[in-house]
């Protein structure tokens, strides 16, 4: 692939990422409007759509608290990893 083609693809990628950010912001705004309209209701039927806004409980491992409480044990089970980061600036 030539430098000109790569530059074109990089420009297209940056533009698509900007469009994605704009769409994500619009989606979040619409979700916030609908959540606000639902108030405390967990379910709402509006025409052909069923909206749900429910509380979900979950349990997750708190790695940072574990590292503070048991640093030696945490270090024994920690392994280094590496990866390649791609970016377009």
C-alpha atoms as a PDB file:
ATOM      1  CA  UNK A   1       0.000   0.000   0.000  1.00  0.00           C
ATOM      2  CA  UNK A   2       1.399   3.400  -0.938  1.00  0.00           C
ATOM      3  CA  UNK A   3       1.888   6.271   1.493  1.00  0.00           C
ATOM      4  CA  UNK A   4      -0.938   8.176  -0.194  1.00  0.00           C
ATOM      5  CA  UNK A   5      -3.315   5.207   0.253  1.00  0.00           C
ATOM      6  CA  UNK A   6      -2.269   4.812   3.894  1.00  0.00           C
ATOM      7  CA  UNK A   7      -2.832   8.521   4.526  1.00  0.00           C
ATOM      8  CA  UNK A   8      -6.291   8.236   2.978  1.00  0.00           C
ATOM      9  CA  UNK A   9      -7.157   5.209   5.142  1.00  0.00           C
ATOM     10  CA  UNK A  10      -5.841   6.956   8.267  1.00  0.00           C
ATOM     11  CA  UNK A  11      -7.992  10.023   7.487  1.00  0.00           C
ATOM     12  CA  UNK A  12     -11.040   7.810   6.920  1.00  0.00           C
ATOM     13  CA  UNK A  13     -10.391   5.992  10.208  1.00  0.00           C
ATOM     14  CA  UNK A  14     -10.106   9.258  12.145  1.00  0.00           C
ATOM     15  CA  UNK A  15     -13.326  10.578  10.585  1.00  0.00           C
ATOM     16  CA  UNK A  16     -15.202   7.360  11.412  1.00  0.00           C
ATOM     17  CA  UNK A  17     -13.968   7.471  15.010  1.00  0.00           C
ATOM     18  CA  UNK A  18     -15.176  11.068  15.317  1.00  0.00           C
ATOM     19  CA  UNK A  19     -18.569  10.033  13.921  1.00  0.00           C
ATOM     20  CA  UNK A  20     -18.679   7.171  16.436  1.00  0.00           C
ATOM     21  CA  UNK A  21     -18.002   9.583  19.318  1.00  0.00           C
ATOM     22  CA  UNK A  22     -20.794  11.863  18.108  1.00  0.00           C
ATOM     23  CA  UNK A  23     -23.214   8.922  17.782  1.00  0.00           C
ATOM     24  CA  UNK A  24     -22.261   7.634  21.243  1.00  0.00           C
ATOM     25  CA  UNK A  25     -23.025  11.093  22.678  1.00  0.00           C
ATOM     26  CA  UNK A  26     -26.410  11.188  20.906  1.00  0.00           C
ATOM     27  CA  UNK A  27     -27.250   7.680  22.137  1.00  0.00           C
ATOM     28  CA  UNK A  28     -26.358   8.615  25.710  1.00  0.00           C
ATOM     29  CA  UNK A  29     -28.473  11.772  25.510  1.00  0.00           C
ATOM     30  CA  UNK A  30     -31.520   9.848  24.241  1.00  0.00           C
ATOM     31  CA  UNK A  31     -31.057   7.162  26.904  1.00  0.00           C
ATOM     32  CA  UNK A  32     -30.895   9.850  29.595  1.00  0.00           C
ATOM     33  CA  UNK A  33     -34.108  11.453  28.313  1.00  0.00           C
ATOM     34  CA  UNK A  34     -35.937   8.110  28.354  1.00  0.00           C
ATOM     35  CA  UNK A  35     -34.583   7.184  31.812  1.00  0.00           C
ATOM     36  CA  UNK A  36     -35.690  10.541  33.174  1.00  0.00           C
ATOM     37  CA  UNK A  37     -39.158  10.111  31.676  1.00  0.00           C
ATOM     38  CA  UNK A  38     -39.441   6.661  33.287  1.00  0.00           C
ATOM     39  CA  UNK A  39     -38.792   8.095  36.734  1.00  0.00           C
ATOM     40  CA  UNK A  40     -38.778   5.270  39.296  1.00  0.00           C
ATOM     41  CA  UNK A  41     -40.589   2.785  37.036  1.00  0.00           C
ATOM     42  CA  UNK A  42     -38.537  -0.252  36.070  1.00  0.00           C
ATOM     43  CA  UNK A  43     -40.637  -1.115  33.013  1.00  0.00           C
ATOM     44  CA  UNK A  44     -42.579   1.055  30.602  1.00  0.00           C
ATOM     45  CA  UNK A  45     -44.470   0.073  27.452  1.00  0.00           C
ATOM     46  CA  UNK A  46     -44.597   2.836  24.861  1.00  0.00           C
ATOM     47  CA  UNK A  47     -46.163   1.742  21.606  1.00  0.00           C
ATOM     48  CA  UNK A  48     -44.188  -1.132  20.137  1.00  0.00           C
ATOM     49  CA  UNK A  49     -41.294  -0.678  22.570  1.00  0.00           C
ATOM     50  CA  UNK A  50     -40.759  -2.047  26.045  1.00  0.00           C
ATOM     51  CA  UNK A  51     -38.295   0.032  28.055  1.00  0.00           C
ATOM     52  CA  UNK A  52     -36.643  -1.442  31.127  1.00  0.00           C
ATOM     53  CA  UNK A  53     -34.426   0.381  33.613  1.00  0.00           C
ATOM     54  CA  UNK A  54     -33.671  -2.050  36.383  1.00  0.00           C
ATOM     55  CA  UNK A  55     -31.209  -2.201  39.232  1.00  0.00           C
ATOM     56  CA  UNK A  56     -28.712  -5.022  38.793  1.00  0.00           C
ATOM     57  CA  UNK A  57     -26.638  -6.406  41.663  1.00  0.00           C
ATOM     58  CA  UNK A  58     -23.238  -7.934  40.990  1.00  0.00           C
ATOM     59  CA  UNK A  59     -20.145  -8.933  42.911  1.00  0.00           C
ATOM     60  CA  UNK A  60     -16.706  -8.197  41.540  1.00  0.00           C
ATOM     61  CA  UNK A  61     -13.222  -8.911  42.737  1.00  0.00           C
ATOM     62  CA  UNK A  62     -11.570  -5.737  44.080  1.00  0.00           C
ATOM     63  CA  UNK A  63      -8.015  -6.215  42.811  1.00  0.00           C
ATOM     64  CA  UNK A  64      -6.684  -2.907  44.148  1.00  0.00           C
ATOM     65  CA  UNK A  65      -7.967  -3.633  47.675  1.00  0.00           C
ATOM     66  CA  UNK A  66      -6.478  -7.138  47.455  1.00  0.00           C
ATOM     67  CA  UNK A  67      -3.099  -5.725  46.391  1.00  0.00           C
ATOM     68  CA  UNK A  68      -3.167  -3.379  49.412  1.00  0.00           C
ATOM     69  CA  UNK A  69      -4.220  -6.088  51.868  1.00  0.00           C
ATOM     70  CA  UNK A  70      -2.021  -8.906  50.512  1.00  0.00           C
ATOM     71  CA  UNK A  71       0.794  -7.381  48.433  1.00  0.00           C
ATOM     72  CA  UNK A  72       3.035 -10.473  48.490  1.00  0.00           C
ATOM     73  CA  UNK A  73       0.246 -12.824  47.477  1.00  0.00           C
ATOM     74  CA  UNK A  74      -0.952 -10.422  44.774  1.00  0.00           C
ATOM     75  CA  UNK A  75       2.600 -10.156  43.410  1.00  0.00           C
ATOM     76  CA  UNK A  76       2.906 -13.942  43.314  1.00  0.00           C
ATOM     77  CA  UNK A  77      -0.175 -14.173  41.070  1.00  0.00           C
ATOM     78  CA  UNK A  78       0.608 -11.180  38.866  1.00  0.00           C
ATOM     79  CA  UNK A  79       2.233 -11.759  35.515  1.00  0.00           C
ATOM     80  CA  UNK A  80       3.577  -9.135  33.134  1.00  0.00           C
ATOM     81  CA  UNK A  81       1.941  -8.841  29.739  1.00  0.00           C
ATOM     82  CA  UNK A  82       2.740  -6.847  26.650  1.00  0.00           C
ATOM     83  CA  UNK A  83       0.730  -5.659  23.700  1.00  0.00           C
ATOM     84  CA  UNK A  84       0.970  -3.274  20.789  1.00  0.00           C
ATOM     85  CA  UNK A  85      -1.085  -0.090  20.953  1.00  0.00           C
ATOM     86  CA  UNK A  86      -2.323   1.363  17.658  1.00  0.00           C
ATOM     87  CA  UNK A  87      -3.243   5.042  17.374  1.00  0.00           C
ATOM     88  CA  UNK A  88      -3.765   7.655  14.691  1.00  0.00           C
ATOM     89  CA  UNK A  89      -2.871  11.233  15.647  1.00  0.00           C
END
